[in-house]
Protein backbone atom coordinates (compact mmCIF):
# COMPACT_ATOMS: atom_id res chain seq x y z
CA MET A 1 12.87 12.03 77.09
CA THR A 2 12.19 12.88 73.38
CA ILE A 3 15.13 11.11 71.34
CA MET A 4 14.89 8.53 68.61
CA LEU A 5 16.90 5.82 69.51
CA CYS A 6 18.27 2.61 66.91
CA ASP A 7 20.61 -0.01 68.43
CA PHE A 8 21.01 -3.50 68.93
CA LEU A 9 18.14 -5.60 70.73
CA ASP A 10 21.16 -6.93 72.77
CA LEU A 11 22.41 -3.97 74.60
CA TRP A 12 19.09 -2.81 75.76
CA LYS A 13 20.05 -2.56 79.57
CA THR A 14 22.64 0.08 78.85
CA TYR A 15 20.32 2.43 76.85
CA VAL A 16 17.42 2.30 78.81
CA LYS A 17 18.67 2.42 82.28
CA ASP A 18 17.87 5.99 82.53
CA PHE A 19 14.45 6.06 80.75
CA SER A 20 11.21 4.97 82.38
CA PRO A 21 10.46 1.69 84.55
CA LEU A 22 8.22 0.47 82.08
CA PHE A 23 11.01 -0.12 79.82
CA GLN A 24 11.89 -3.01 82.12
CA VAL A 25 8.54 -4.32 81.43
CA ALA A 26 8.83 -4.19 77.93
CA PHE A 27 12.27 -5.47 77.09
CA PRO A 28 12.16 -8.50 78.98
CA TRP A 29 8.66 -9.51 77.51
CA ILE A 30 10.48 -8.65 73.68
CA GLN A 31 13.43 -10.81 74.64
CA LYS A 32 11.25 -13.88 75.89
CA ALA A 33 8.83 -13.57 72.77
CA ILE A 34 11.39 -13.58 70.21
CA LYS A 35 12.09 -17.07 71.44
CA SER A 36 8.32 -18.04 71.24
CA PRO A 37 6.22 -18.76 68.35
CA LEU A 38 4.11 -15.37 68.06
CA THR A 39 0.71 -14.77 66.62
CA GLU A 40 -0.66 -11.78 65.23
CA GLU A 41 -2.39 -10.08 67.84
CA ARG A 42 -2.14 -7.64 70.99
CA TYR A 43 -0.54 -8.43 74.27
CA ASN A 44 -1.56 -6.87 77.38
CA LEU A 45 1.37 -6.78 79.31
CA GLN A 46 1.23 -4.57 82.30
CA ASP A 47 0.76 -0.68 83.96
CA GLY A 48 -0.72 0.11 80.32
CA VAL A 49 2.18 -1.57 78.40
CA TYR A 50 1.11 -3.47 75.55
CA SER A 51 2.36 -5.11 72.80
CA LEU A 52 1.23 -5.81 68.99
CA VAL A 53 2.69 -8.55 66.42
CA GLN A 54 2.29 -7.85 63.07
CA ASN A 55 2.68 -9.79 59.60
CA TYR A 56 2.77 -7.70 56.37
CA GLU A 57 4.49 -6.66 53.14
CA THR A 58 6.66 -3.70 53.03
CA LYS A 59 4.94 -0.72 50.94
CA SER A 60 6.30 1.87 48.71
CA LEU A 61 7.49 5.17 50.10
CA GLU A 62 4.93 6.74 47.33
CA GLY A 63 1.55 7.86 49.45
CA ALA A 64 3.04 7.03 52.60
CA LYS A 65 2.41 8.99 55.77
CA PHE A 66 4.26 9.66 58.70
CA GLU A 67 2.39 9.18 62.12
CA ASN A 68 3.23 10.55 65.15
CA HIS A 69 1.96 9.65 68.63
CA ARG A 70 1.43 11.69 72.11
CA LYS A 71 0.39 9.38 74.65
CA PHE A 72 2.57 6.39 73.87
CA ILE A 73 6.66 5.45 73.19
CA ASP A 74 7.03 3.14 70.26
CA VAL A 75 9.33 0.34 70.32
CA HIS A 76 9.84 -1.59 66.97
CA LEU A 77 11.64 -4.95 66.53
CA VAL A 78 11.68 -6.53 63.23
CA ILE A 79 11.45 -10.67 63.96
CA GLN A 80 11.53 -11.71 60.29
CA GLY A 81 12.23 -9.72 57.07
CA VAL A 82 13.78 -6.00 56.47
CA GLU A 83 12.25 -2.80 56.44
CA TRP A 84 13.06 0.93 56.34
CA ILE A 85 11.70 3.19 58.43
CA TYR A 86 12.05 6.93 57.79
CA TRP A 87 12.27 9.21 60.85
CA THR A 88 12.19 13.15 61.55
CA LYS A 89 11.32 15.26 64.01
CA GLY A 90 8.51 17.88 63.15
CA LYS A 91 7.96 19.67 60.01
CA LYS A 92 5.92 22.21 58.36
CA VAL A 93 4.49 19.62 56.05
CA PHE A 94 0.59 18.98 55.70
CA GLN A 95 -1.38 17.29 58.21
CA LEU A 96 -3.36 14.53 56.41
CA GLU A 97 -5.22 13.27 59.59
CA SER A 98 -5.27 15.69 62.84
CA TYR A 99 -4.96 13.85 65.96
CA SER A 100 -7.13 11.41 67.36
CA ASP A 101 -7.00 10.75 71.34
CA LYS A 102 -8.69 7.65 70.71
CA ASN A 103 -5.98 5.88 68.35
CA ASP A 104 -3.24 8.35 69.64
CA ALA A 105 -2.03 9.31 66.27
CA GLU A 106 -1.67 11.74 63.81
CA PHE A 107 -0.66 11.68 60.36
CA PHE A 108 1.42 13.76 58.10
CA MET A 109 2.65 14.09 54.43
CA ALA A 110 5.57 12.22 53.32
CA HIS A 111 6.67 13.19 50.24
CA PRO A 112 10.02 11.34 48.72
CA SER A 113 11.47 14.56 47.00
CA ALA A 114 10.63 16.54 50.02
CA ASN A 115 14.31 15.47 51.43
CA ILE A 116 13.53 16.03 55.02
CA PHE A 117 13.63 13.10 56.76
CA SER A 118 16.31 9.69 57.38
CA HIS A 119 15.90 6.17 56.86
CA LEU A 120 16.54 3.39 59.35
CA VAL A 121 17.50 -0.26 57.81
CA ILE A 122 15.52 -2.59 60.60
CA GLU A 123 16.50 -5.87 60.58
CA PRO A 124 16.13 -8.86 63.02
CA GLY A 125 18.17 -7.82 66.04
CA ILE A 126 17.93 -4.20 65.69
CA VAL A 127 15.51 -2.02 67.49
CA ALA A 128 13.74 1.35 66.89
CA ILE A 129 12.57 3.53 69.91
CA PHE A 130 10.42 6.23 69.10
CA TRP A 131 9.04 9.04 71.55
CA PRO A 132 6.25 11.58 70.80
CA GLY A 133 7.59 14.25 68.50
CA ASP A 134 9.54 11.49 66.54
CA TRP A 135 7.69 11.53 63.21
CA HIS A 136 8.30 8.15 61.80
CA LEU A 137 7.01 6.07 58.74
CA PRO A 138 7.50 2.52 59.08
CA CYS A 139 6.53 -0.59 57.15
CA ILE A 140 8.54 0.62 53.67
CA THR A 141 10.17 -1.66 51.37
CA PRO A 142 14.25 -0.95 51.04
CA GLN A 143 14.89 1.19 48.21
CA THR A 144 17.73 -1.20 47.47
CA ASP A 145 15.36 -4.56 47.20
CA LYS A 146 12.61 -2.65 45.07
CA LYS A 147 10.33 -5.72 46.15
CA PRO A 148 8.29 -5.86 49.31
CA GLN A 149 9.46 -7.97 52.01
CA LYS A 150 7.33 -10.12 54.17
CA VAL A 151 8.06 -8.74 57.70
CA THR A 152 6.74 -10.04 61.29
CA LYS A 153 7.36 -7.33 63.66
CA ILE A 154 6.70 -6.61 67.35
CA VAL A 155 5.92 -3.15 68.21
CA VAL A 156 5.85 -2.31 71.78
CA LYS A 157 3.58 0.82 73.13
CA ILE A 158 4.73 2.32 76.29
CA PRO A 159 2.89 4.78 77.89
CA VAL A 160 4.51 8.22 78.10
CA SER A 161 5.31 8.90 82.14
CA LYS A 162 3.71 11.94 83.49
């Protein structure tokens, strides 16, 4: 499946029922984790699924890069704060960093005037899922605020089924 999905976390059972069984590892862990104090670290779940808890300040769109993964599906959930995540399918733009198998990432230019992408408003209770081919640019300061936001976020990495 290669679709970007953004919806309420509470509805996860509705939209992942036809996805890989590994989503049944990720989402119960997320629901439990958001009720507990989280430290900024990597959590190994099972069957190659893992989670990263991150704390940061959002950044400007200027100079930011789209990322794409090939081996993992990304599930993004903000616990505290608000960020914008820009999203698009692959475009004919300059590749800044070629694909690294070790990091499962490649990076592409994101120029604000190119008008080639949409944005998602990610706040607590909203989850965004990005498959390989869904270029995404997370951690961006909402343009409505103009000031960096302090964000705590969970990113769960789910291996692509073969």
